[in-house]
């Protein structure tokens, strides 16, 4: 004897199940997950960008101050001495004899 009832009311077994189970197309699961993620994003954004400044405004960058160069100290070293040229080194082709001009 079979538990399958093909009588009036359709093809159901004794528990009321049809032999043709519809394929689950994903259902509401992905939409529930998407809704939870959107809610987390909104709550985080509202907490972060709520418009109240943290602390006072003293930690904000200010305009740069005008800086002046200090004047050199007066004295004998105020102007640098002129540089003396170094003596010319002999070239590698110099054989030590004086050249004629």
PDB file of N, CA and C in Angstrom:
ATOM      1  N   UNK A   1       0.837  -1.157   0.000  1.00  0.00           N
ATOM      2  CA  UNK A   1       0.000   0.000   0.000  1.00  0.00           C
ATOM      3  C   UNK A   1       0.893   1.234   0.000  1.00  0.00           C
ATOM      4  N   UNK A   2       0.526   2.224  -0.766  1.00  0.00           N
ATOM      5  CA  UNK A   2       1.334   3.421  -0.930  1.00  0.00           C
ATOM      6  C   UNK A   2       0.733   4.570  -0.117  1.00  0.00           C
ATOM      7  N   UNK A   3       1.581   5.486   0.274  1.00  0.00           N
ATOM      8  CA  UNK A   3       1.110   6.676   0.978  1.00  0.00           C
ATOM      9  C   UNK A   3       0.710   7.775   0.008  1.00  0.00           C
ATOM     10  N   UNK A   4       0.801   7.525  -1.273  1.00  0.00           N
ATOM     11  CA  UNK A   4       0.487   8.525  -2.280  1.00  0.00           C
ATOM     12  C   UNK A   4      -1.009   8.507  -2.578  1.00  0.00           C
ATOM     13  N   UNK A   5      -1.658   9.641  -2.463  1.00  0.00           N
ATOM     14  CA  UNK A   5      -3.088   9.763  -2.706  1.00  0.00           C
ATOM     15  C   UNK A   5      -3.295  10.565  -3.970  1.00  0.00           C
ATOM     16  N   UNK A   6      -3.731   9.921  -5.031  1.00  0.00           N
ATOM     17  CA  UNK A   6      -3.963  10.632  -6.275  1.00  0.00           C
ATOM     18  C   UNK A   6      -5.447  10.899  -6.464  1.00  0.00           C
ATOM     19  N   UNK A   7      -6.173  10.872  -5.387  1.00  0.00           N
ATOM     20  CA  UNK A   7      -7.622  11.057  -5.454  1.00  0.00           C
ATOM     21  C   UNK A   7      -8.017  12.505  -5.636  1.00  0.00           C
ATOM     22  N   UNK A   8      -9.287  12.773  -5.287  1.00  0.00           N
ATOM     23  CA  UNK A   8      -9.806  14.128  -5.477  1.00  0.00           C
ATOM     24  C   UNK A   8      -9.045  15.128  -4.608  1.00  0.00           C
ATOM     25  N   UNK A   9      -8.895  16.334  -5.088  1.00  0.00           N
ATOM     26  CA  UNK A   9      -8.162  17.373  -4.376  1.00  0.00           C
ATOM     27  C   UNK A   9      -6.711  17.486  -4.804  1.00  0.00           C
ATOM     28  N   UNK A  10      -6.262  16.649  -5.709  1.00  0.00           N
ATOM     29  CA  UNK A  10      -4.911  16.770  -6.223  1.00  0.00           C
ATOM     30  C   UNK A  10      -4.010  15.658  -5.754  1.00  0.00           C
ATOM     31  N   UNK A  11      -2.824  15.593  -6.331  1.00  0.00           N
ATOM     32  CA  UNK A  11      -1.869  14.537  -5.969  1.00  0.00           C
ATOM     33  C   UNK A  11      -1.076  14.923  -4.718  1.00  0.00           C
ATOM     34  N   UNK A  12      -1.552  14.469  -3.551  1.00  0.00           N
ATOM     35  CA  UNK A  12      -0.875  14.762  -2.287  1.00  0.00           C
ATOM     36  C   UNK A  12      -0.585  13.465  -1.569  1.00  0.00           C
ATOM     37  N   UNK A  13       0.445  13.452  -0.760  1.00  0.00           N
ATOM     38  CA  UNK A  13       0.672  12.291   0.088  1.00  0.00           C
ATOM     39  C   UNK A  13      -0.142  12.468   1.382  1.00  0.00           C
ATOM     40  N   UNK A  14      -0.011  11.559   2.324  1.00  0.00           N
ATOM     41  CA  UNK A  14      -0.872  11.614   3.500  1.00  0.00           C
ATOM     42  C   UNK A  14      -0.565  12.800   4.415  1.00  0.00           C
ATOM     43  N   UNK A  15       0.588  13.475   4.188  1.00  0.00           N
ATOM     44  CA  UNK A  15       0.930  14.653   4.989  1.00  0.00           C
ATOM     45  C   UNK A  15       0.527  15.958   4.302  1.00  0.00           C
ATOM     46  N   UNK A  16      -0.004  15.905   3.113  1.00  0.00           N
ATOM     47  CA  UNK A  16      -0.436  17.093   2.384  1.00  0.00           C
ATOM     48  C   UNK A  16       0.619  17.716   1.502  1.00  0.00           C
ATOM     49  N   UNK A  17       1.720  17.046   1.281  1.00  0.00           N
ATOM     50  CA  UNK A  17       2.786  17.576   0.432  1.00  0.00           C
ATOM     51  C   UNK A  17       2.574  17.167  -1.010  1.00  0.00           C
ATOM     52  N   UNK A  18       2.863  18.070  -1.918  1.00  0.00           N
ATOM     53  CA  UNK A  18       2.789  17.736  -3.340  1.00  0.00           C
ATOM     54  C   UNK A  18       4.109  17.113  -3.768  1.00  0.00           C
ATOM     55  N   UNK A  19       4.102  16.292  -4.785  1.00  0.00           N
ATOM     56  CA  UNK A  19       5.372  15.730  -5.257  1.00  0.00           C
ATOM     57  C   UNK A  19       6.195  16.749  -6.038  1.00  0.00           C
ATOM     58  N   UNK A  20       5.603  17.877  -6.358  1.00  0.00           N
ATOM     59  CA  UNK A  20       6.293  18.904  -7.151  1.00  0.00           C
ATOM     60  C   UNK A  20       6.657  20.068  -6.231  1.00  0.00           C
ATOM     61  N   UNK A  21       7.831  20.051  -5.680  1.00  0.00           N
ATOM     62  CA  UNK A  21       8.269  21.154  -4.832  1.00  0.00           C
ATOM     63  C   UNK A  21       8.794  22.274  -5.734  1.00  0.00           C
ATOM     64  N   UNK A  22       8.273  23.481  -5.554  1.00  0.00           N
ATOM     65  CA  UNK A  22       8.793  24.578  -6.393  1.00  0.00           C
ATOM     66  C   UNK A  22      10.241  24.895  -6.017  1.00  0.00           C
ATOM     67  N   UNK A  23      10.998  25.246  -7.020  1.00  0.00           N
ATOM     68  CA  UNK A  23      12.406  25.592  -6.781  1.00  0.00           C
ATOM     69  C   UNK A  23      12.468  26.890  -5.994  1.00  0.00           C
ATOM     70  N   UNK A  24      13.293  26.919  -4.976  1.00  0.00           N
ATOM     71  CA  UNK A  24      13.447  28.122  -4.167  1.00  0.00           C
ATOM     72  C   UNK A  24      14.306  29.115  -4.941  1.00  0.00           C
ATOM     73  N   UNK A  25      13.725  30.247  -5.264  1.00  0.00           N
ATOM     74  CA  UNK A  25      14.422  31.247  -6.075  1.00  0.00           C
ATOM     75  C   UNK A  25      15.229  32.208  -5.215  1.00  0.00           C
ATOM     76  N   UNK A  26      15.583  31.829  -4.042  1.00  0.00           N
ATOM     77  CA  UNK A  26      16.374  32.706  -3.183  1.00  0.00           C
ATOM     78  C   UNK A  26      15.550  33.272  -2.056  1.00  0.00           C
ATOM     79  N   UNK A  27      14.283  33.448  -2.263  1.00  0.00           N
ATOM     80  CA  UNK A  27      13.416  33.937  -1.214  1.00  0.00           C
ATOM     81  C   UNK A  27      13.772  35.329  -0.738  1.00  0.00           C
ATOM     82  N   UNK A  28      13.540  35.551   0.551  1.00  0.00           N
ATOM     83  CA  UNK A  28      13.774  36.865   1.122  1.00  0.00           C
ATOM     84  C   UNK A  28      15.136  36.980   1.791  1.00  0.00           C
ATOM     85  N   UNK A  29      15.889  35.917   1.853  1.00  0.00           N
ATOM     86  CA  UNK A  29      17.178  35.927   2.556  1.00  0.00           C
ATOM     87  C   UNK A  29      18.144  37.003   2.092  1.00  0.00           C
ATOM     88  N   UNK A  30      18.422  37.114   0.787  1.00  0.00           N
ATOM     89  CA  UNK A  30      19.351  38.165   0.331  1.00  0.00           C
ATOM     90  C   UNK A  30      18.839  39.571   0.614  1.00  0.00           C
ATOM     91  N   UNK A  31      17.527  39.772   0.533  1.00  0.00           N
ATOM     92  CA  UNK A  31      16.961  41.095   0.795  1.00  0.00           C
ATOM     93  C   UNK A  31      17.048  41.451   2.283  1.00  0.00           C
ATOM     94  N   UNK A  32      16.892  40.457   3.145  1.00  0.00           N
ATOM     95  CA  UNK A  32      17.027  40.710   4.581  1.00  0.00           C
ATOM     96  C   UNK A  32      18.479  41.074   4.903  1.00  0.00           C
ATOM     97  N   UNK A  33      19.420  40.360   4.316  1.00  0.00           N
ATOM     98  CA  UNK A  33      20.836  40.668   4.530  1.00  0.00           C
ATOM     99  C   UNK A  33      21.168  42.062   4.007  1.00  0.00           C
ATOM    100  N   UNK A  34      20.657  42.398   2.831  1.00  0.00           N
ATOM    101  CA  UNK A  34      20.895  43.727   2.273  1.00  0.00           C
ATOM    102  C   UNK A  34      20.300  44.802   3.178  1.00  0.00           C
ATOM    103  N   UNK A  35      19.115  44.563   3.707  1.00  0.00           N
ATOM    104  CA  UNK A  35      18.490  45.525   4.609  1.00  0.00           C
ATOM    105  C   UNK A  35      19.293  45.725   5.882  1.00  0.00           C
ATOM    106  N   UNK A  36      19.846  44.642   6.430  1.00  0.00           N
ATOM    107  CA  UNK A  36      20.661  44.750   7.636  1.00  0.00           C
ATOM    108  C   UNK A  36      21.932  45.545   7.354  1.00  0.00           C
ATOM    109  N   UNK A  37      22.567  45.288   6.217  1.00  0.00           N
ATOM    110  CA  UNK A  37      23.785  46.018   5.876  1.00  0.00           C
ATOM    111  C   UNK A  37      23.510  47.501   5.635  1.00  0.00           C
ATOM    112  N   UNK A  38      22.405  47.811   4.993  1.00  0.00           N
ATOM    113  CA  UNK A  38      22.042  49.213   4.772  1.00  0.00           C
ATOM    114  C   UNK A  38      21.766  49.899   6.103  1.00  0.00           C
ATOM    115  N   UNK A  39      21.070  49.215   7.010  1.00  0.00           N
ATOM    116  CA  UNK A  39      20.790  49.794   8.329  1.00  0.00           C
ATOM    117  C   UNK A  39      22.078  50.060   9.097  1.00  0.00           C
ATOM    118  N   UNK A  40      23.030  49.137   9.038  1.00  0.00           N
ATOM    119  CA  UNK A  40      24.317  49.345   9.716  1.00  0.00           C
ATOM    120  C   UNK A  40      25.042  50.545   9.114  1.00  0.00           C
ATOM    121  N   UNK A  41      25.019  50.657   7.795  1.00  0.00           N
ATOM    122  CA  UNK A  41      25.656  51.800   7.133  1.00  0.00           C
ATOM    123  C   UNK A  41      25.006  53.118   7.505  1.00  0.00           C
ATOM    124  N   UNK A  42      23.691  53.152   7.556  1.00  0.00           N
ATOM    125  CA  UNK A  42      22.995  54.387   7.925  1.00  0.00           C
ATOM    126  C   UNK A  42      23.276  54.774   9.373  1.00  0.00           C
ATOM    127  N   UNK A  43      23.222  53.816  10.260  1.00  0.00           N
ATOM    128  CA  UNK A  43      23.479  54.120  11.668  1.00  0.00           C
ATOM    129  C   UNK A  43      24.924  54.593  11.851  1.00  0.00           C
ATOM    130  N   UNK A  44      25.871  53.917  11.214  1.00  0.00           N
ATOM    131  CA  UNK A  44      27.266  54.343  11.309  1.00  0.00           C
ATOM    132  C   UNK A  44      27.487  55.729  10.723  1.00  0.00           C
ATOM    133  N   UNK A  45      26.858  56.018   9.598  1.00  0.00           N
ATOM    134  CA  UNK A  45      26.985  57.343   8.992  1.00  0.00           C
ATOM    135  C   UNK A  45      26.383  58.428   9.855  1.00  0.00           C
ATOM    136  N   UNK A  46      25.233  58.156  10.459  1.00  0.00           N
ATOM    137  CA  UNK A  46      24.610  59.148  11.329  1.00  0.00           C
ATOM    138  C   UNK A  46      25.429  59.392  12.583  1.00  0.00           C
ATOM    139  N   UNK A  47      26.053  58.349  13.108  1.00  0.00           N
ATOM    140  CA  UNK A  47      26.883  58.540  14.294  1.00  0.00           C
ATOM    141  C   UNK A  47      28.171  59.294  13.957  1.00  0.00           C
ATOM    142  N   UNK A  48      28.724  59.063  12.787  1.00  0.00           N
ATOM    143  CA  UNK A  48      29.982  59.701  12.421  1.00  0.00           C
ATOM    144  C   UNK A  48      29.774  61.138  11.947  1.00  0.00           C
ATOM    145  N   UNK A  49      28.756  61.357  11.119  1.00  0.00           N
ATOM    146  CA  UNK A  49      28.512  62.675  10.542  1.00  0.00           C
ATOM    147  C   UNK A  49      27.325  63.360  11.226  1.00  0.00           C
ATOM    148  N   UNK A  50      27.300  63.374  12.551  1.00  0.00           N
ATOM    149  CA  UNK A  50      26.146  63.941  13.230  1.00  0.00           C
ATOM    150  C   UNK A  50      26.224  65.446  13.370  1.00  0.00           C
ATOM    151  N   UNK A  51      27.279  66.101  12.945  1.00  0.00           N
ATOM    152  CA  UNK A  51      27.326  67.553  12.913  1.00  0.00           C
ATOM    153  C   UNK A  51      27.909  68.201  14.147  1.00  0.00           C
ATOM    154  N   UNK A  52      28.198  67.487  15.196  1.00  0.00           N
ATOM    155  CA  UNK A  52      28.776  68.119  16.374  1.00  0.00           C
ATOM    156  C   UNK A  52      30.288  68.023  16.289  1.00  0.00           C
ATOM    157  N   UNK A  53      30.977  69.153  16.467  1.00  0.00           N
ATOM    158  CA  UNK A  53      32.440  69.097  16.415  1.00  0.00           C
ATOM    159  C   UNK A  53      33.004  68.440  17.664  1.00  0.00           C
ATOM    160  N   UNK A  54      34.097  67.775  17.499  1.00  0.00           N
ATOM    161  CA  UNK A  54      34.766  67.122  18.615  1.00  0.00           C
ATOM    162  C   UNK A  54      35.709  68.120  19.283  1.00  0.00           C
ATOM    163  N   UNK A  55      35.480  68.448  20.539  1.00  0.00           N
ATOM    164  CA  UNK A  55      36.359  69.349  21.284  1.00  0.00           C
ATOM    165  C   UNK A  55      36.221  70.784  20.806  1.00  0.00           C
ATOM    166  N   UNK A  56      37.196  71.607  21.152  1.00  0.00           N
ATOM    167  CA  UNK A  56      37.158  73.001  20.728  1.00  0.00           C
ATOM    168  C   UNK A  56      37.826  73.156  19.373  1.00  0.00           C
ATOM    169  N   UNK A  57      37.797  74.356  18.877  1.00  0.00           N
ATOM    170  CA  UNK A  57      38.359  74.623  17.554  1.00  0.00           C
ATOM    171  C   UNK A  57      39.833  74.985  17.612  1.00  0.00           C
ATOM    172  N   UNK A  58      40.461  74.854  18.771  1.00  0.00           N
ATOM    173  CA  UNK A  58      41.872  75.218  18.897  1.00  0.00           C
ATOM    174  C   UNK A  58      42.759  74.257  18.125  1.00  0.00           C
ATOM    175  N   UNK A  59      42.303  73.050  17.905  1.00  0.00           N
ATOM    176  CA  UNK A  59      43.142  72.089  17.193  1.00  0.00           C
ATOM    177  C   UNK A  59      43.036  72.231  15.682  1.00  0.00           C
ATOM    178  N   UNK A  60      42.305  73.233  15.212  1.00  0.00           N
ATOM    179  CA  UNK A  60      42.186  73.461  13.779  1.00  0.00           C
ATOM    180  C   UNK A  60      43.404  74.247  13.297  1.00  0.00           C
ATOM    181  N   UNK A  61      43.823  74.016  12.093  1.00  0.00           N
ATOM    182  CA  UNK A  61      45.000  74.689  11.552  1.00  0.00           C
ATOM    183  C   UNK A  61      44.736  76.183  11.420  1.00  0.00           C
ATOM    184  N   UNK A  62      45.721  76.986  11.782  1.00  0.00           N
ATOM    185  CA  UNK A  62      45.583  78.432  11.678  1.00  0.00           C
ATOM    186  C   UNK A  62      46.427  78.924  10.510  1.00  0.00           C
ATOM    187  N   UNK A  63      46.248  80.202  10.187  1.00  0.00           N
ATOM    188  CA  UNK A  63      46.995  80.795   9.085  1.00  0.00           C
ATOM    189  C   UNK A  63      48.475  80.858   9.463  1.00  0.00           C
ATOM    190  N   UNK A  64      49.368  80.707   8.505  1.00  0.00           N
ATOM    191  CA  UNK A  64      50.790  80.751   8.822  1.00  0.00           C
ATOM    192  C   UNK A  64      51.209  82.142   9.300  1.00  0.00           C
ATOM    193  N   UNK A  65      52.156  82.175  10.227  1.00  0.00           N
ATOM    194  CA  UNK A  65      52.645  83.450  10.750  1.00  0.00           C
ATOM    195  C   UNK A  65      53.690  84.023   9.804  1.00  0.00           C
ATOM    196  N   UNK A  66      53.791  85.348   9.796  1.00  0.00           N
ATOM    197  CA  UNK A  66      54.787  86.021   8.966  1.00  0.00           C
ATOM    198  C   UNK A  66      56.146  85.895   9.640  1.00  0.00           C
ATOM    199  N   UNK A  67      57.121  85.361   8.936  1.00  0.00           N
ATOM    200  CA  UNK A  67      58.453  85.189   9.498  1.00  0.00           C
ATOM    201  C   UNK A  67      59.424  86.133   8.803  1.00  0.00           C
ATOM    202  N   UNK A  68      60.295  86.740   9.573  1.00  0.00           N
ATOM    203  CA  UNK A  68      61.303  87.631   9.006  1.00  0.00           C
ATOM    204  C   UNK A  68      62.670  87.008   9.225  1.00  0.00           C
ATOM    205  N   UNK A  69      63.584  87.356   8.357  1.00  0.00           N
ATOM    206  CA  UNK A  69      64.951  86.858   8.477  1.00  0.00           C
ATOM    207  C   UNK A  69      65.685  87.687   9.526  1.00  0.00           C
ATOM    208  N   UNK A  70      66.437  87.058  10.415  1.00  0.00           N
ATOM    209  CA  UNK A  70      67.188  87.840  11.401  1.00  0.00           C
ATOM    210  C   UNK A  70      68.338  88.586  10.723  1.00  0.00           C
ATOM    211  N   UNK A  71      68.665  89.757  11.269  1.00  0.00           N
ATOM    212  CA  UNK A  71      69.759  90.547  10.707  1.00  0.00           C
ATOM    213  C   UNK A  71      71.088  89.933  11.152  1.00  0.00           C
ATOM    214  N   UNK A  72      72.096  90.003  10.294  1.00  0.00           N
ATOM    215  CA  UNK A  72      73.388  89.436  10.691  1.00  0.00           C
ATOM    216  C   UNK A  72      74.005  90.259  11.827  1.00  0.00           C
ATOM    217  N   UNK A  73      74.766  89.589  12.656  1.00  0.00           N
ATOM    218  CA  UNK A  73      75.408  90.252  13.790  1.00  0.00           C
ATOM    219  C   UNK A  73      76.480  91.208  13.274  1.00  0.00           C
ATOM    220  N   UNK A  74      76.549  92.396  13.830  1.00  0.00           N
ATOM    221  CA  UNK A  74      77.606  93.335  13.386  1.00  0.00           C
ATOM    222  C   UNK A  74      78.963  92.875  13.901  1.00  0.00           C
ATOM    223  N   UNK A  75      79.960  93.179  13.142  1.00  0.00           N
ATOM    224  CA  UNK A  75      81.304  92.794  13.563  1.00  0.00           C
ATOM    225  C   UNK A  75      82.211  92.632  12.368  1.00  0.00           C
ATOM    226  N   UNK A  76      83.453  92.187  12.600  1.00  0.00           N
ATOM    227  CA  UNK A  76      84.406  92.082  11.499  1.00  0.00           C
ATOM    228  C   UNK A  76      84.047  90.971  10.510  1.00  0.00           C
ATOM    229  N   UNK A  77      83.270  89.997  10.919  1.00  0.00           N
ATOM    230  CA  UNK A  77      82.932  88.898  10.015  1.00  0.00           C
ATOM    231  C   UNK A  77      81.601  89.128   9.310  1.00  0.00           C
ATOM    232  N   UNK A  78      81.128  90.361   9.293  1.00  0.00           N
ATOM    233  CA  UNK A  78      79.845  90.653   8.672  1.00  0.00           C
ATOM    234  C   UNK A  78      79.902  90.417   7.168  1.00  0.00           C
ATOM    235  N   UNK A  79      81.019  90.767   6.534  1.00  0.00           N
ATOM    236  CA  UNK A  79      81.155  90.523   5.097  1.00  0.00           C
ATOM    237  C   UNK A  79      82.211  89.438   4.915  1.00  0.00           C
ATOM    238  N   UNK A  80      81.974  88.478   4.077  1.00  0.00           N
ATOM    239  CA  UNK A  80      82.959  87.413   3.889  1.00  0.00           C
ATOM    240  C   UNK A  80      84.175  87.915   3.120  1.00  0.00           C
ATOM    241  N   UNK A  81      85.321  87.350   3.425  1.00  0.00           N
ATOM    242  CA  UNK A  81      86.558  87.708   2.731  1.00  0.00           C
ATOM    243  C   UNK A  81      86.525  87.117   1.327  1.00  0.00           C
ATOM    244  N   UNK A  82      87.132  87.810   0.360  1.00  0.00           N
ATOM    245  CA  UNK A  82      87.147  87.253  -1.001  1.00  0.00           C
ATOM    246  C   UNK A  82      87.949  85.960  -1.049  1.00  0.00           C
ATOM    247  N   UNK A  83      87.499  85.065  -1.829  1.00  0.00           N
ATOM    248  CA  UNK A  83      88.151  83.764  -1.939  1.00  0.00           C
ATOM    249  C   UNK A  83      89.408  83.890  -2.770  1.00  0.00           C
ATOM    250  N   UNK A  84      90.458  83.228  -2.361  1.00  0.00           N
ATOM    251  CA  UNK A  84      91.703  83.220  -3.136  1.00  0.00           C
ATOM    252  C   UNK A  84      91.708  81.970  -4.001  1.00  0.00           C
ATOM    253  N   UNK A  85      92.084  82.120  -5.237  1.00  0.00           N
ATOM    254  CA  UNK A  85      92.095  80.939  -6.101  1.00  0.00           C
ATOM    255  C   UNK A  85      93.194  79.966  -5.687  1.00  0.00           C
ATOM    256  N   UNK A  86      92.927  78.710  -5.841  1.00  0.00           N
ATOM    257  CA  UNK A  86      93.907  77.672  -5.520  1.00  0.00           C
ATOM    258  C   UNK A  86      94.972  77.649  -6.605  1.00  0.00           C
ATOM    259  N   UNK A  87      96.217  77.312  -6.249  1.00  0.00           N
ATOM    260  CA  UNK A  87      97.255  77.235  -7.282  1.00  0.00           C
ATOM    261  C   UNK A  87      96.934  76.129  -8.283  1.00  0.00           C
ATOM    262  N   UNK A  88      97.302  76.370  -9.500  1.00  0.00           N
ATOM    263  CA  UNK A  88      97.006  75.412 -10.554  1.00  0.00           C
ATOM    264  C   UNK A  88      97.839  74.154 -10.371  1.00  0.00           C
ATOM    265  N   UNK A  89      97.210  73.033 -10.495  1.00  0.00           N
ATOM    266  CA  UNK A  89      97.913  71.756 -10.377  1.00  0.00           C
ATOM    267  C   UNK A  89      98.555  71.424 -11.719  1.00  0.00           C
ATOM    268  N   UNK A  90      99.706  70.785 -11.698  1.00  0.00           N
ATOM    269  CA  UNK A  90     100.328  70.420 -12.980  1.00  0.00           C
ATOM    270  C   UNK A  90      99.464  69.401 -13.726  1.00  0.00           C
ATOM    271  N   UNK A  91      99.402  69.549 -15.023  1.00  0.00           N
ATOM    272  CA  UNK A  91      98.595  68.622 -15.813  1.00  0.00           C
ATOM    273  C   UNK A  91      99.337  67.306 -16.002  1.00  0.00           C
ATOM    274  N   UNK A  92      98.646  66.316 -16.446  1.00  0.00           N
ATOM    275  CA  UNK A  92      99.270  65.000 -16.623  1.00  0.00           C
ATOM    276  C   UNK A  92     100.228  64.966 -17.805  1.00  0.00           C
ATOM    277  N   UNK A  93     100.112  65.950 -18.708  1.00  0.00           N
ATOM    278  CA  UNK A  93     101.030  65.978 -19.864  1.00  0.00           C
ATOM    279  C   UNK A  93     102.236  66.868 -19.594  1.00  0.00           C
ATOM    280  N   UNK A  94     102.341  67.448 -18.419  1.00  0.00           N
ATOM    281  CA  UNK A  94     103.444  68.330 -18.094  1.00  0.00           C
ATOM    282  C   UNK A  94     104.704  67.495 -17.852  1.00  0.00           C
ATOM    283  N   UNK A  95     105.768  67.818 -18.573  1.00  0.00           N
ATOM    284  CA  UNK A  95     107.016  67.084 -18.386  1.00  0.00           C
ATOM    285  C   UNK A  95     108.023  67.837 -17.534  1.00  0.00           C
ATOM    286  N   UNK A  96     107.650  69.003 -17.018  1.00  0.00           N
ATOM    287  CA  UNK A  96     108.505  69.756 -16.117  1.00  0.00           C
ATOM    288  C   UNK A  96     109.333  70.810 -16.798  1.00  0.00           C
ATOM    289  N   UNK A  97     109.402  70.897 -18.104  1.00  0.00           N
ATOM    290  CA  UNK A  97     110.193  71.920 -18.797  1.00  0.00           C
ATOM    291  C   UNK A  97     109.327  73.156 -19.012  1.00  0.00           C
ATOM    292  N   UNK A  98     109.928  74.317 -18.919  1.00  0.00           N
ATOM    293  CA  UNK A  98     109.143  75.537 -19.153  1.00  0.00           C
ATOM    294  C   UNK A  98     108.702  75.619 -20.609  1.00  0.00           C
ATOM    295  N   UNK A  99     107.518  76.148 -20.799  1.00  0.00           N
ATOM    296  CA  UNK A  99     106.984  76.255 -22.143  1.00  0.00           C
ATOM    297  C   UNK A  99     107.341  77.616 -22.739  1.00  0.00           C
ATOM    298  N   UNK A 100     107.476  77.655 -24.043  1.00  0.00           N
ATOM    299  CA  UNK A 100     107.783  78.897 -24.747  1.00  0.00           C
ATOM    300  C   UNK A 100     106.485  79.544 -25.158  1.00  0.00           C
ATOM    301  N   UNK A 101     106.509  80.871 -25.030  1.00  0.00           N
ATOM    302  CA  UNK A 101     105.290  81.586 -25.446  1.00  0.00           C
ATOM    303  C   UNK A 101     105.566  82.491 -26.579  1.00  0.00           C
TER     304      UNK A 101
END
